[in-house]
Amino acid sequence: MALFLNESEVHQLLTMPLAIEAVEEAHRELSSGRAIDIPRQRTRLPQTALHILQGALPGSDAVGYKAYTSNRSGVRFLVHLFSASAGTLRAVFEADYLGMMRTGAASGVATRWLARPDAEVLGLFGSGWQAEGHLEAIAAVRPLRRAKVYARNTERLAAFCKKMSERLQIDVVPAASPEETVRGSHIVSTVTTASTPLFEAGWLEPGTHVNAAGSNSLIRREVGEDVLKVCRPIVVDSVETALKEAGDLLPVLEKGRLSDRQLVELGDIIIGRLQGRTSPEQITLFESQGMAIQDLAVAVRLEALAREKGIGVQLPYGA
């Protein structure tokens, strides 16, 4: 019988190490030709939009999709996991926490492969829900001693820094300005809904790694053309998805100042097909748009854990 896991049950089972392991495997499978990922599709109405990401991980007997609606009243996420061999429904997950963790994990995987091994200071733009997973993921793959966080809402920023300092046992402090956030940071991450670039290329130290996780539509921009000029390689989770959604990259691609051939998929670095960082002074960039196979890889592991621990509710359909 298929299982249903609610947000509380997903939260009970899902850890950041599990999410990072799952996301890295998903990228490895895609670049090895053993996975399928379909870029996000959207159906827009005046009040509500429906967003669907779908894909398959045959090696895990998995095919499925994440569907979510966005409305003024909120965003609602569900992941459906099916058996690739039998076509039957395996599990359904409420996926707000799942999505937050896998989004953070993607930047964690990119940081593991692209940031300098001795990187210990993070400059983070954003103090919302997604920023929590992002900071936790970076701390899981690098020996962070300090995180400087910049956000416009000072009350929420203070609460975020207090919460994450206690959770991660590192120094998480508010930054007074975007420039202070970037200067002296070994890793710079953006997890916002900004429509204009957040920082200047001249503030970046040699050897910095940049994660841009918020620009998943044409109207969003976190990284400017000046930053793109100094970053090599420019790494994406999927070239096909980036060419449809990467608001940071699309204007520069349209102008001909960047070619899709210059984009490197994260999985190709993981499997050794292409190089990532080649020198300590390089400034590297990861542009994250999100992929169905990331969600599915996490879902596969959660289903196994749920069945092992007897967690979840059996569904009366899908067999």
C-alpha atoms as a PDB file:
ATOM      1  CA  MET A   1       0.000   0.000   0.000  1.00  0.00           C
ATOM      2  CA  ALA A   2       1.106   3.529  -0.720  1.00  0.00           C
ATOM      3  CA  LEU A   3       2.111   5.722   2.211  1.00  0.00           C
ATOM      4  CA  PHE A   4       1.187   9.301   3.031  1.00  0.00           C
ATOM      5  CA  LEU A   5       3.583  11.378   5.162  1.00  0.00           C
ATOM      6  CA  ASN A   6       2.552  14.756   6.522  1.00  0.00           C
ATOM      7  CA  GLU A   7       4.887  17.668   7.257  1.00  0.00           C
ATOM      8  CA  SER A   8       5.474  16.583  10.844  1.00  0.00           C
ATOM      9  CA  GLU A   9       6.447  13.059   9.804  1.00  0.00           C
ATOM     10  CA  VAL A  10       8.775  14.310   7.060  1.00  0.00           C
ATOM     11  CA  HIS A  11      10.396  16.632   9.593  1.00  0.00           C
ATOM     12  CA  GLN A  12      10.850  13.692  11.963  1.00  0.00           C
ATOM     13  CA  LEU A  13      12.758  11.634   9.373  1.00  0.00           C
ATOM     14  CA  LEU A  14      14.634  14.096   7.163  1.00  0.00           C
ATOM     15  CA  THR A  15      18.144  15.239   8.095  1.00  0.00           C
ATOM     16  CA  MET A  16      20.518  17.450   6.150  1.00  0.00           C
ATOM     17  CA  PRO A  17      23.143  14.692   5.661  1.00  0.00           C
ATOM     18  CA  LEU A  18      20.407  12.508   4.121  1.00  0.00           C
ATOM     19  CA  ALA A  19      19.282  15.357   1.848  1.00  0.00           C
ATOM     20  CA  ILE A  20      22.845  16.116   0.708  1.00  0.00           C
ATOM     21  CA  GLU A  21      23.541  12.443  -0.034  1.00  0.00           C
ATOM     22  CA  ALA A  22      20.294  12.155  -2.002  1.00  0.00           C
ATOM     23  CA  VAL A  23      20.781  15.328  -4.044  1.00  0.00           C
ATOM     24  CA  GLU A  24      24.376  14.435  -4.915  1.00  0.00           C
ATOM     25  CA  GLU A  25      23.273  10.995  -6.102  1.00  0.00           C
ATOM     26  CA  ALA A  26      20.521  12.563  -8.230  1.00  0.00           C
ATOM     27  CA  HIS A  27      23.045  14.784 -10.021  1.00  0.00           C
ATOM     28  CA  ARG A  28      25.420  11.863 -10.474  1.00  0.00           C
ATOM     29  CA  GLU A  29      22.644   9.763 -12.006  1.00  0.00           C
ATOM     30  CA  LEU A  30      21.579  12.558 -14.376  1.00  0.00           C
ATOM     31  CA  SER A  31      25.083  13.181 -15.722  1.00  0.00           C
ATOM     32  CA  SER A  32      25.645   9.438 -16.065  1.00  0.00           C
ATOM     33  CA  GLY A  33      22.567   9.157 -18.296  1.00  0.00           C
ATOM     34  CA  ARG A  34      20.588   7.161 -15.741  1.00  0.00           C
ATOM     35  CA  ALA A  35      17.965   9.778 -14.838  1.00  0.00           C
ATOM     36  CA  ILE A  36      15.394  11.983 -16.536  1.00  0.00           C
ATOM     37  CA  ASP A  37      14.437  15.477 -15.403  1.00  0.00           C
ATOM     38  CA  ILE A  38      11.766  17.687 -16.961  1.00  0.00           C
ATOM     39  CA  PRO A  39      12.016  21.464 -16.353  1.00  0.00           C
ATOM     40  CA  ARG A  40       9.266  23.098 -14.325  1.00  0.00           C
ATOM     41  CA  GLN A  41       5.953  23.686 -16.064  1.00  0.00           C
ATOM     42  CA  ARG A  42       3.525  26.359 -14.886  1.00  0.00           C
ATOM     43  CA  THR A  43      -0.194  26.935 -15.318  1.00  0.00           C
ATOM     44  CA  ARG A  44      -1.080  30.501 -14.369  1.00  0.00           C
ATOM     45  CA  LEU A  45      -4.463  31.870 -13.355  1.00  0.00           C
ATOM     46  CA  PRO A  46      -5.210  35.368 -12.046  1.00  0.00           C
ATOM     47  CA  GLN A  47      -5.344  34.140  -8.435  1.00  0.00           C
ATOM     48  CA  THR A  48      -3.272  30.949  -8.456  1.00  0.00           C
ATOM     49  CA  ALA A  49      -0.395  29.277 -10.300  1.00  0.00           C
ATOM     50  CA  LEU A  50       0.233  25.540 -10.488  1.00  0.00           C
ATOM     51  CA  HIS A  51       3.877  24.458 -10.800  1.00  0.00           C
ATOM     52  CA  ILE A  52       4.907  20.900 -11.720  1.00  0.00           C
ATOM     53  CA  LEU A  53       8.394  19.309 -11.789  1.00  0.00           C
ATOM     54  CA  GLN A  54       8.661  15.706 -12.965  1.00  0.00           C
ATOM     55  CA  GLY A  55      11.400  13.159 -13.486  1.00  0.00           C
ATOM     56  CA  ALA A  56      12.642   9.621 -13.019  1.00  0.00           C
ATOM     57  CA  LEU A  57      15.418   7.732 -11.221  1.00  0.00           C
ATOM     58  CA  PRO A  58      15.131   4.225 -12.684  1.00  0.00           C
ATOM     59  CA  GLY A  59      18.009   2.955 -10.546  1.00  0.00           C
ATOM     60  CA  SER A  60      15.838   3.670  -7.498  1.00  0.00           C
ATOM     61  CA  ASP A  61      12.679   2.315  -9.214  1.00  0.00           C
ATOM     62  CA  ALA A  62      11.348   5.849  -8.985  1.00  0.00           C
ATOM     63  CA  VAL A  63       9.313   8.101 -11.232  1.00  0.00           C
ATOM     64  CA  GLY A  64       7.199  10.967 -10.027  1.00  0.00           C
ATOM     65  CA  TYR A  65       6.569  14.640  -9.662  1.00  0.00           C
ATOM     66  CA  LYS A  66       6.304  17.566  -7.294  1.00  0.00           C
ATOM     67  CA  ALA A  67       3.272  19.780  -7.703  1.00  0.00           C
ATOM     68  CA  TYR A  68       2.670  22.987  -5.822  1.00  0.00           C
ATOM     69  CA  THR A  69       0.271  25.902  -5.962  1.00  0.00           C
ATOM     70  CA  SER A  70       1.144  29.492  -5.174  1.00  0.00           C
ATOM     71  CA  ASN A  71      -1.569  31.873  -4.033  1.00  0.00           C
ATOM     72  CA  ARG A  72      -1.801  34.941  -1.840  1.00  0.00           C
ATOM     73  CA  SER A  73      -2.894  32.619   0.945  1.00  0.00           C
ATOM     74  CA  GLY A  74       0.307  30.575   0.703  1.00  0.00           C
ATOM     75  CA  VAL A  75       2.206  27.867  -1.166  1.00  0.00           C
ATOM     76  CA  ARG A  76       1.281  24.181  -0.894  1.00  0.00           C
ATOM     77  CA  PHE A  77       3.677  21.380  -1.916  1.00  0.00           C
ATOM     78  CA  LEU A  78       3.113  17.670  -2.589  1.00  0.00           C
ATOM     79  CA  VAL A  79       5.544  15.056  -3.929  1.00  0.00           C
ATOM     80  CA  HIS A  80       4.126  11.919  -5.576  1.00  0.00           C
ATOM     81  CA  LEU A  81       6.493   8.934  -5.834  1.00  0.00           C
ATOM     82  CA  PHE A  82       5.640   5.988  -8.122  1.00  0.00           C
ATOM     83  CA  SER A  83       7.327   2.672  -8.910  1.00  0.00           C
ATOM     84  CA  ALA A  84       9.092   3.004 -12.257  1.00  0.00           C
ATOM     85  CA  SER A  85       8.791  -0.742 -12.922  1.00  0.00           C
ATOM     86  CA  ALA A  86       5.219  -1.376 -11.780  1.00  0.00           C
ATOM     87  CA  GLY A  87       3.634   2.044 -12.253  1.00  0.00           C
ATOM     88  CA  THR A  88       2.045   1.862  -8.803  1.00  0.00           C
ATOM     89  CA  LEU A  89       1.990   4.685  -6.287  1.00  0.00           C
ATOM     90  CA  ARG A  90       4.646   4.283  -3.589  1.00  0.00           C
ATOM     91  CA  ALA A  91       4.176   7.364  -1.443  1.00  0.00           C
ATOM     92  CA  VAL A  92       2.836  10.910  -1.214  1.00  0.00           C
ATOM     93  CA  PHE A  93       4.588  13.552   0.873  1.00  0.00           C
ATOM     94  CA  GLU A  94       3.636  16.977   2.095  1.00  0.00           C
ATOM     95  CA  ALA A  95       6.753  18.714   0.856  1.00  0.00           C
ATOM     96  CA  ASP A  96       7.302  22.203   2.248  1.00  0.00           C
ATOM     97  CA  TYR A  97      10.064  21.056   4.623  1.00  0.00           C
ATOM     98  CA  LEU A  98      11.287  18.498   2.084  1.00  0.00           C
ATOM     99  CA  GLY A  99      11.654  21.201  -0.561  1.00  0.00           C
ATOM    100  CA  MET A 100      13.433  23.575   1.797  1.00  0.00           C
ATOM    101  CA  MET A 101      15.925  20.894   2.801  1.00  0.00           C
ATOM    102  CA  ARG A 102      16.650  19.715  -0.735  1.00  0.00           C
ATOM    103  CA  THR A 103      17.079  23.309  -1.951  1.00  0.00           C
ATOM    104  CA  GLY A 104      19.639  23.889   0.765  1.00  0.00           C
ATOM    105  CA  ALA A 105      21.233  20.528   0.052  1.00  0.00           C
ATOM    106  CA  ALA A 106      21.781  21.451  -3.612  1.00  0.00           C
ATOM    107  CA  SER A 107      23.879  24.447  -2.572  1.00  0.00           C
ATOM    108  CA  GLY A 108      25.577  22.210  -0.011  1.00  0.00           C
ATOM    109  CA  VAL A 109      26.586  19.758  -2.733  1.00  0.00           C
ATOM    110  CA  ALA A 110      27.802  22.588  -4.970  1.00  0.00           C
ATOM    111  CA  THR A 111      29.785  24.062  -2.079  1.00  0.00           C
ATOM    112  CA  ARG A 112      31.350  20.672  -1.356  1.00  0.00           C
ATOM    113  CA  TRP A 113      32.610  20.443  -4.944  1.00  0.00           C
ATOM    114  CA  LEU A 114      33.422  24.104  -5.668  1.00  0.00           C
ATOM    115  CA  ALA A 115      34.344  26.015  -2.511  1.00  0.00           C
ATOM    116  CA  ARG A 116      37.870  26.010  -1.147  1.00  0.00           C
ATOM    117  CA  PRO A 117      38.371  23.294   1.486  1.00  0.00           C
ATOM    118  CA  ASP A 118      39.406  25.901   4.062  1.00  0.00           C
ATOM    119  CA  ALA A 119      36.347  28.135   3.531  1.00  0.00           C
ATOM    120  CA  GLU A 120      35.023  29.093   6.976  1.00  0.00           C
ATOM    121  CA  VAL A 121      33.171  32.403   6.611  1.00  0.00           C
ATOM    122  CA  LEU A 122      29.782  32.624   4.890  1.00  0.00           C
ATOM    123  CA  GLY A 123      28.067  35.789   3.699  1.00  0.00           C
ATOM    124  CA  LEU A 124      24.345  35.056   3.396  1.00  0.00           C
ATOM    125  CA  PHE A 125      21.612  37.200   1.823  1.00  0.00           C
ATOM    126  CA  GLY A 126      18.195  36.252   3.185  1.00  0.00           C
ATOM    127  CA  SER A 127      16.774  35.270   6.553  1.00  0.00           C
ATOM    128  CA  GLY A 128      13.628  33.403   5.577  1.00  0.00           C
ATOM    129  CA  TRP A 129      12.559  29.768   5.646  1.00  0.00           C
ATOM    130  CA  GLN A 130      14.765  28.745   2.721  1.00  0.00           C
ATOM    131  CA  ALA A 131      17.808  30.469   4.229  1.00  0.00           C
ATOM    132  CA  GLU A 132      17.629  28.144   7.239  1.00  0.00           C
ATOM    133  CA  GLY A 133      18.200  25.036   5.130  1.00  0.00           C
ATOM    134  CA  HIS A 134      20.815  26.811   3.082  1.00  0.00           C
ATOM    135  CA  LEU A 135      22.918  27.765   6.102  1.00  0.00           C
ATOM    136  CA  GLU A 136      22.563  24.291   7.620  1.00  0.00           C
ATOM    137  CA  ALA A 137      23.730  22.674   4.374  1.00  0.00           C
ATOM    138  CA  ILE A 138      26.804  24.901   4.028  1.00  0.00           C
ATOM    139  CA  ALA A 139      27.731  24.196   7.642  1.00  0.00           C
ATOM    140  CA  ALA A 140      27.437  20.459   6.929  1.00  0.00           C
ATOM    141  CA  VAL A 141      30.087  20.509   4.177  1.00  0.00           C
ATOM    142  CA  ARG A 142      32.523  23.195   5.334  1.00  0.00           C
ATOM    143  CA  PRO A 143      33.970  24.030   8.795  1.00  0.00           C
ATOM    144  CA  LEU A 144      32.091  27.301   9.180  1.00  0.00           C
ATOM    145  CA  ARG A 145      33.078  29.444  12.138  1.00  0.00           C
ATOM    146  CA  ARG A 146      31.038  32.521  11.172  1.00  0.00           C
ATOM    147  CA  ALA A 147      28.060  33.476   9.054  1.00  0.00           C
ATOM    148  CA  LYS A 148      27.213  37.117   8.279  1.00  0.00           C
ATOM    149  CA  VAL A 149      23.578  37.537   7.310  1.00  0.00           C
ATOM    150  CA  TYR A 150      21.929  40.482   5.559  1.00  0.00           C
ATOM    151  CA  ALA A 151      18.174  41.005   5.271  1.00  0.00           C
ATOM    152  CA  ARG A 152      15.901  44.036   5.138  1.00  0.00           C
ATOM    153  CA  ASN A 153      13.625  42.996   8.010  1.00  0.00           C
ATOM    154  CA  THR A 154      15.813  43.656  11.042  1.00  0.00           C
ATOM    155  CA  GLU A 155      13.518  41.912  13.554  1.00  0.00           C
ATOM    156  CA  ARG A 156      13.340  38.736  11.499  1.00  0.00           C
ATOM    157  CA  LEU A 157      17.087  38.934  10.855  1.00  0.00           C
ATOM    158  CA  ALA A 158      17.858  39.110  14.583  1.00  0.00           C
ATOM    159  CA  ALA A 159      15.575  36.148  15.290  1.00  0.00           C
ATOM    160  CA  PHE A 160      17.143  34.163  12.455  1.00  0.00           C
ATOM    161  CA  CYS A 161      20.685  34.765  13.698  1.00  0.00           C
ATOM    162  CA  LYS A 162      19.774  33.777  17.255  1.00  0.00           C
ATOM    163  CA  LYS A 163      17.971  30.620  16.134  1.00  0.00           C
ATOM    164  CA  MET A 164      20.695  29.451  13.750  1.00  0.00           C
ATOM    165  CA  SER A 165      23.535  30.243  16.173  1.00  0.00           C
ATOM    166  CA  GLU A 166      21.899  28.003  18.748  1.00  0.00           C
ATOM    167  CA  ARG A 167      21.061  25.251  16.248  1.00  0.00           C
ATOM    168  CA  LEU A 168      24.449  25.063  14.529  1.00  0.00           C
ATOM    169  CA  GLN A 169      26.705  26.231  17.375  1.00  0.00           C
ATOM    170  CA  ILE A 170      28.511  28.733  15.160  1.00  0.00           C
ATOM    171  CA  ASP A 171      28.686  32.530  15.172  1.00  0.00           C
ATOM    172  CA  VAL A 172      25.721  33.776  13.089  1.00  0.00           C
ATOM    173  CA  VAL A 173      25.560  37.577  13.111  1.00  0.00           C
ATOM    174  CA  PRO A 174      23.605  40.340  11.342  1.00  0.00           C
ATOM    175  CA  ALA A 175      25.526  42.269   8.682  1.00  0.00           C
ATOM    176  CA  ALA A 176      24.995  46.026   8.450  1.00  0.00           C
ATOM    177  CA  SER A 177      25.172  46.198   4.641  1.00  0.00           C
ATOM    178  CA  PRO A 178      25.490  44.074   1.506  1.00  0.00           C
ATOM    179  CA  GLU A 179      29.147  45.104   1.216  1.00  0.00           C
ATOM    180  CA  GLU A 180      29.908  43.955   4.762  1.00  0.00           C
ATOM    181  CA  THR A 181      28.159  40.660   3.972  1.00  0.00           C
ATOM    182  CA  VAL A 182      30.420  39.969   0.992  1.00  0.00           C
ATOM    183  CA  ARG A 183      33.824  41.371   1.952  1.00  0.00           C
ATOM    184  CA  GLY A 184      35.955  38.840   3.793  1.00  0.00           C
ATOM    185  CA  SER A 185      33.546  35.958   3.068  1.00  0.00           C
ATOM    186  CA  HIS A 186      34.863  32.728   1.566  1.00  0.00           C
ATOM    187  CA  ILE A 187      31.378  31.665   0.465  1.00  0.00           C
ATOM    188  CA  VAL A 188      28.583  34.068  -0.559  1.00  0.00           C
ATOM    189  CA  SER A 189      25.025  32.775  -0.857  1.00  0.00           C
ATOM    190  CA  THR A 190      21.816  34.455  -1.985  1.00  0.00           C
ATOM    191  CA  VAL A 191      18.435  33.031  -0.981  1.00  0.00           C
ATOM    192  CA  THR A 192      16.022  35.870  -1.751  1.00  0.00           C
ATOM    193  CA  THR A 193      13.264  37.009  -4.102  1.00  0.00           C
ATOM    194  CA  ALA A 194      15.269  40.042  -5.251  1.00  0.00           C
ATOM    195  CA  SER A 195      14.583  41.574  -8.656  1.00  0.00           C
ATOM    196  CA  THR A 196      17.902  43.462  -8.844  1.00  0.00           C
ATOM    197  CA  PRO A 197      21.478  42.300  -8.109  1.00  0.00           C
ATOM    198  CA  LEU A 198      22.397  42.152  -4.436  1.00  0.00           C
ATOM    199  CA  PHE A 199      26.142  42.867  -4.493  1.00  0.00           C
ATOM    200  CA  GLU A 200      29.046  44.069  -6.635  1.00  0.00           C
ATOM    201  CA  ALA A 201      31.768  41.913  -8.143  1.00  0.00           C
ATOM    202  CA  GLY A 202      34.467  44.185  -6.694  1.00  0.00           C
ATOM    203  CA  TRP A 203      33.499  43.127  -3.173  1.00  0.00           C
ATOM    204  CA  LEU A 204      34.300  39.455  -3.816  1.00  0.00           C
ATOM    205  CA  GLU A 205      37.577  38.107  -2.458  1.00  0.00           C
ATOM    206  CA  PRO A 206      39.747  35.895  -4.731  1.00  0.00           C
ATOM    207  CA  GLY A 207      38.794  32.270  -4.185  1.00  0.00           C
ATOM    208  CA  THR A 208      35.178  32.946  -3.185  1.00  0.00           C
ATOM    209  CA  HIS A 209      32.430  30.498  -4.070  1.00  0.00           C
ATOM    210  CA  VAL A 210      28.978  31.974  -4.794  1.00  0.00           C
ATOM    211  CA  ASN A 211      25.651  30.126  -4.483  1.00  0.00           C
ATOM    212  CA  ALA A 212      22.675  31.866  -6.117  1.00  0.00           C
ATOM    213  CA  ALA A 213      19.520  30.035  -5.075  1.00  0.00           C
ATOM    214  CA  GLY A 214      16.653  32.488  -5.477  1.00  0.00           C
ATOM    215  CA  SER A 215      16.569  33.488  -9.141  1.00  0.00           C
ATOM    216  CA  ASN A 216      14.261  30.892 -10.698  1.00  0.00           C
ATOM    217  CA  SER A 217      12.279  33.167 -13.031  1.00  0.00           C
ATOM    218  CA  LEU A 218      12.980  35.988 -15.453  1.00  0.00           C
ATOM    219  CA  ILE A 219      11.724  38.646 -13.023  1.00  0.00           C
ATOM    220  CA  ARG A 220      14.241  37.656 -10.324  1.00  0.00           C
ATOM    221  CA  ARG A 221      17.899  38.667 -10.259  1.00  0.00           C
ATOM    222  CA  GLU A 222      20.360  38.250  -7.421  1.00  0.00           C
ATOM    223  CA  VAL A 223      23.661  38.244  -9.344  1.00  0.00           C
ATOM    224  CA  GLY A 224      24.619  40.949 -11.829  1.00  0.00           C
ATOM    225  CA  GLU A 225      26.518  40.772 -15.089  1.00  0.00           C
ATOM    226  CA  ASP A 226      29.640  42.138 -13.379  1.00  0.00           C
ATOM    227  CA  VAL A 227      29.682  39.078 -11.110  1.00  0.00           C
ATOM    228  CA  LEU A 228      29.101  36.684 -14.002  1.00  0.00           C
ATOM    229  CA  LYS A 229      32.159  38.146 -15.755  1.00  0.00           C
ATOM    230  CA  VAL A 230      34.504  37.206 -12.894  1.00  0.00           C
ATOM    231  CA  CYS A 231      33.064  33.741 -12.173  1.00  0.00           C
ATOM    232  CA  ARG A 232      34.419  30.573 -13.775  1.00  0.00           C
ATOM    233  CA  PRO A 233      33.060  28.049 -13.987  1.00  0.00           C
ATOM    234  CA  ILE A 234      29.395  29.035 -13.976  1.00  0.00           C
ATOM    235  CA  VAL A 235      27.733  25.867 -12.727  1.00  0.00           C
ATOM    236  CA  VAL A 236      24.030  25.016 -13.002  1.00  0.00           C
ATOM    237  CA  ASP A 237      21.984  22.094 -11.796  1.00  0.00           C
ATOM    238  CA  SER A 238      20.693  21.553 -15.352  1.00  0.00           C
ATOM    239  CA  VAL A 239      21.516  23.515 -18.500  1.00  0.00           C
ATOM    240  CA  GLU A 240      18.042  22.820 -19.923  1.00  0.00           C
ATOM    241  CA  THR A 241      16.366  24.221 -16.809  1.00  0.00           C
ATOM    242  CA  ALA A 242      18.750  27.173 -16.539  1.00  0.00           C
ATOM    243  CA  LEU A 243      17.943  28.219 -20.107  1.00  0.00           C
ATOM    244  CA  LYS A 244      14.269  28.384 -19.144  1.00  0.00           C
ATOM    245  CA  GLU A 245      14.388  29.837 -15.644  1.00  0.00           C
ATOM    246  CA  ALA A 246      17.705  31.353 -14.542  1.00  0.00           C
ATOM    247  CA  GLY A 247      16.840  35.029 -14.175  1.00  0.00           C
ATOM    248  CA  ASP A 248      20.482  35.827 -13.390  1.00  0.00           C
ATOM    249  CA  LEU A 249      21.680  34.273 -16.638  1.00  0.00           C
ATOM    250  CA  LEU A 250      18.919  34.811 -19.192  1.00  0.00           C
ATOM    251  CA  PRO A 251      19.484  38.557 -19.865  1.00  0.00           C
ATOM    252  CA  VAL A 252      23.212  37.965 -20.408  1.00  0.00           C
ATOM    253  CA  LEU A 253      22.551  34.949 -22.619  1.00  0.00           C
ATOM    254  CA  GLU A 254      20.070  37.006 -24.637  1.00  0.00           C
ATOM    255  CA  LYS A 255      22.689  39.725 -25.176  1.00  0.00           C
ATOM    256  CA  GLY A 256      25.216  37.154 -26.371  1.00  0.00           C
ATOM    257  CA  ARG A 257      27.622  37.989 -23.543  1.00  0.00           C
ATOM    258  CA  LEU A 258      27.345  34.437 -22.217  1.00  0.00           C
ATOM    259  CA  SER A 259      26.910  31.204 -24.167  1.00  0.00           C
ATOM    260  CA  ASP A 260      25.057  28.106 -23.032  1.00  0.00           C
ATOM    261  CA  ARG A 261      28.266  26.236 -23.874  1.00  0.00           C
ATOM    262  CA  GLN A 262      29.926  28.046 -20.979  1.00  0.00           C
ATOM    263  CA  LEU A 263      27.462  26.567 -18.487  1.00  0.00           C
ATOM    264  CA  VAL A 264      28.656  23.492 -16.590  1.00  0.00           C
ATOM    265  CA  GLU A 265      26.270  21.008 -14.998  1.00  0.00           C
ATOM    266  CA  LEU A 266      26.992  20.148 -11.383  1.00  0.00           C
ATOM    267  CA  GLY A 267      26.708  16.418 -12.087  1.00  0.00           C
ATOM    268  CA  ASP A 268      29.421  16.605 -14.728  1.00  0.00           C
ATOM    269  CA  ILE A 269      31.821  17.907 -12.067  1.00  0.00           C
ATOM    270  CA  ILE A 270      30.745  15.207  -9.606  1.00  0.00           C
ATOM    271  CA  ILE A 271      31.428  12.378 -12.053  1.00  0.00           C
ATOM    272  CA  GLY A 272      34.705  13.950 -13.238  1.00  0.00           C
ATOM    273  CA  ARG A 273      33.633  14.720 -16.802  1.00  0.00           C
ATOM    274  CA  LEU A 274      34.369  18.434 -16.384  1.00  0.00           C
ATOM    275  CA  GLN A 275      36.493  20.428 -13.959  1.00  0.00           C
ATOM    276  CA  GLY A 276      35.196  22.610 -11.170  1.00  0.00           C
ATOM    277  CA  ARG A 277      37.628  24.736  -9.205  1.00  0.00           C
ATOM    278  CA  THR A 278      41.139  24.586 -10.694  1.00  0.00           C
ATOM    279  CA  SER A 279      42.938  27.184  -8.556  1.00  0.00           C
ATOM    280  CA  PRO A 280      42.643  28.695  -5.067  1.00  0.00           C
ATOM    281  CA  GLU A 281      42.038  32.179  -6.548  1.00  0.00           C
ATOM    282  CA  GLN A 282      39.146  31.213  -8.814  1.00  0.00           C
ATOM    283  CA  ILE A 283      35.709  32.709  -8.111  1.00  0.00           C
ATOM    284  CA  THR A 284      33.115  30.018  -8.755  1.00  0.00           C
ATOM    285  CA  LEU A 285      29.329  30.294  -9.121  1.00  0.00           C
ATOM    286  CA  PHE A 286      26.460  27.834  -8.697  1.00  0.00           C
ATOM    287  CA  GLU A 287      23.051  28.838 -10.076  1.00  0.00           C
ATOM    288  CA  SER A 288      20.305  26.701  -8.532  1.00  0.00           C
ATOM    289  CA  GLN A 289      16.830  26.407 -10.058  1.00  0.00           C
ATOM    290  CA  GLY A 290      15.637  23.130  -8.527  1.00  0.00           C
ATOM    291  CA  MET A 291      14.947  19.745 -10.114  1.00  0.00           C
ATOM    292  CA  ALA A 292      12.347  17.009  -9.718  1.00  0.00           C
ATOM    293  CA  ILE A 293      14.997  14.320  -9.352  1.00  0.00           C
ATOM    294  CA  GLN A 294      16.347  16.102  -6.270  1.00  0.00           C
ATOM    295  CA  ASP A 295      12.916  15.803  -4.641  1.00  0.00           C
ATOM    296  CA  LEU A 296      12.501  12.209  -5.808  1.00  0.00           C
ATOM    297  CA  ALA A 297      15.899  11.124  -4.503  1.00  0.00           C
ATOM    298  CA  VAL A 298      15.008  12.512  -1.076  1.00  0.00           C
ATOM    299  CA  ALA A 299      11.534  10.945  -1.260  1.00  0.00           C
ATOM    300  CA  VAL A 300      12.970   7.492  -2.003  1.00  0.00           C
ATOM    301  CA  ARG A 301      15.032   7.614   1.179  1.00  0.00           C
ATOM    302  CA  LEU A 302      12.159   8.953   3.255  1.00  0.00           C
ATOM    303  CA  GLU A 303       9.839   6.184   2.076  1.00  0.00           C
ATOM    304  CA  ALA A 304      12.356   3.529   3.101  1.00  0.00           C
ATOM    305  CA  LEU A 305      12.815   5.116   6.526  1.00  0.00           C
ATOM    306  CA  ALA A 306       9.081   5.528   7.037  1.00  0.00           C
ATOM    307  CA  ARG A 307       8.387   1.858   6.268  1.00  0.00           C
ATOM    308  CA  GLU A 308      11.255   0.761   8.499  1.00  0.00           C
ATOM    309  CA  LYS A 309       9.970   2.845  11.425  1.00  0.00           C
ATOM    310  CA  GLY A 310       6.252   2.302  10.822  1.00  0.00           C
ATOM    311  CA  ILE A 311       5.606   6.002  10.184  1.00  0.00           C
ATOM    312  CA  GLY A 312       2.899   7.335   7.878  1.00  0.00           C
ATOM    313  CA  VAL A 313      -0.663   6.459   6.876  1.00  0.00           C
ATOM    314  CA  GLN A 314      -1.552   3.843   4.270  1.00  0.00           C
ATOM    315  CA  LEU A 315      -3.531   5.239   1.341  1.00  0.00           C
ATOM    316  CA  PRO A 316      -6.566   3.393  -0.059  1.00  0.00           C
ATOM    317  CA  TYR A 317      -5.585   4.066  -3.674  1.00  0.00           C
ATOM    318  CA  GLY A 318      -2.695   3.831  -6.117  1.00  0.00           C
ATOM    319  CA  ALA A 319      -2.071   0.064  -6.120  1.00  0.00           C
END
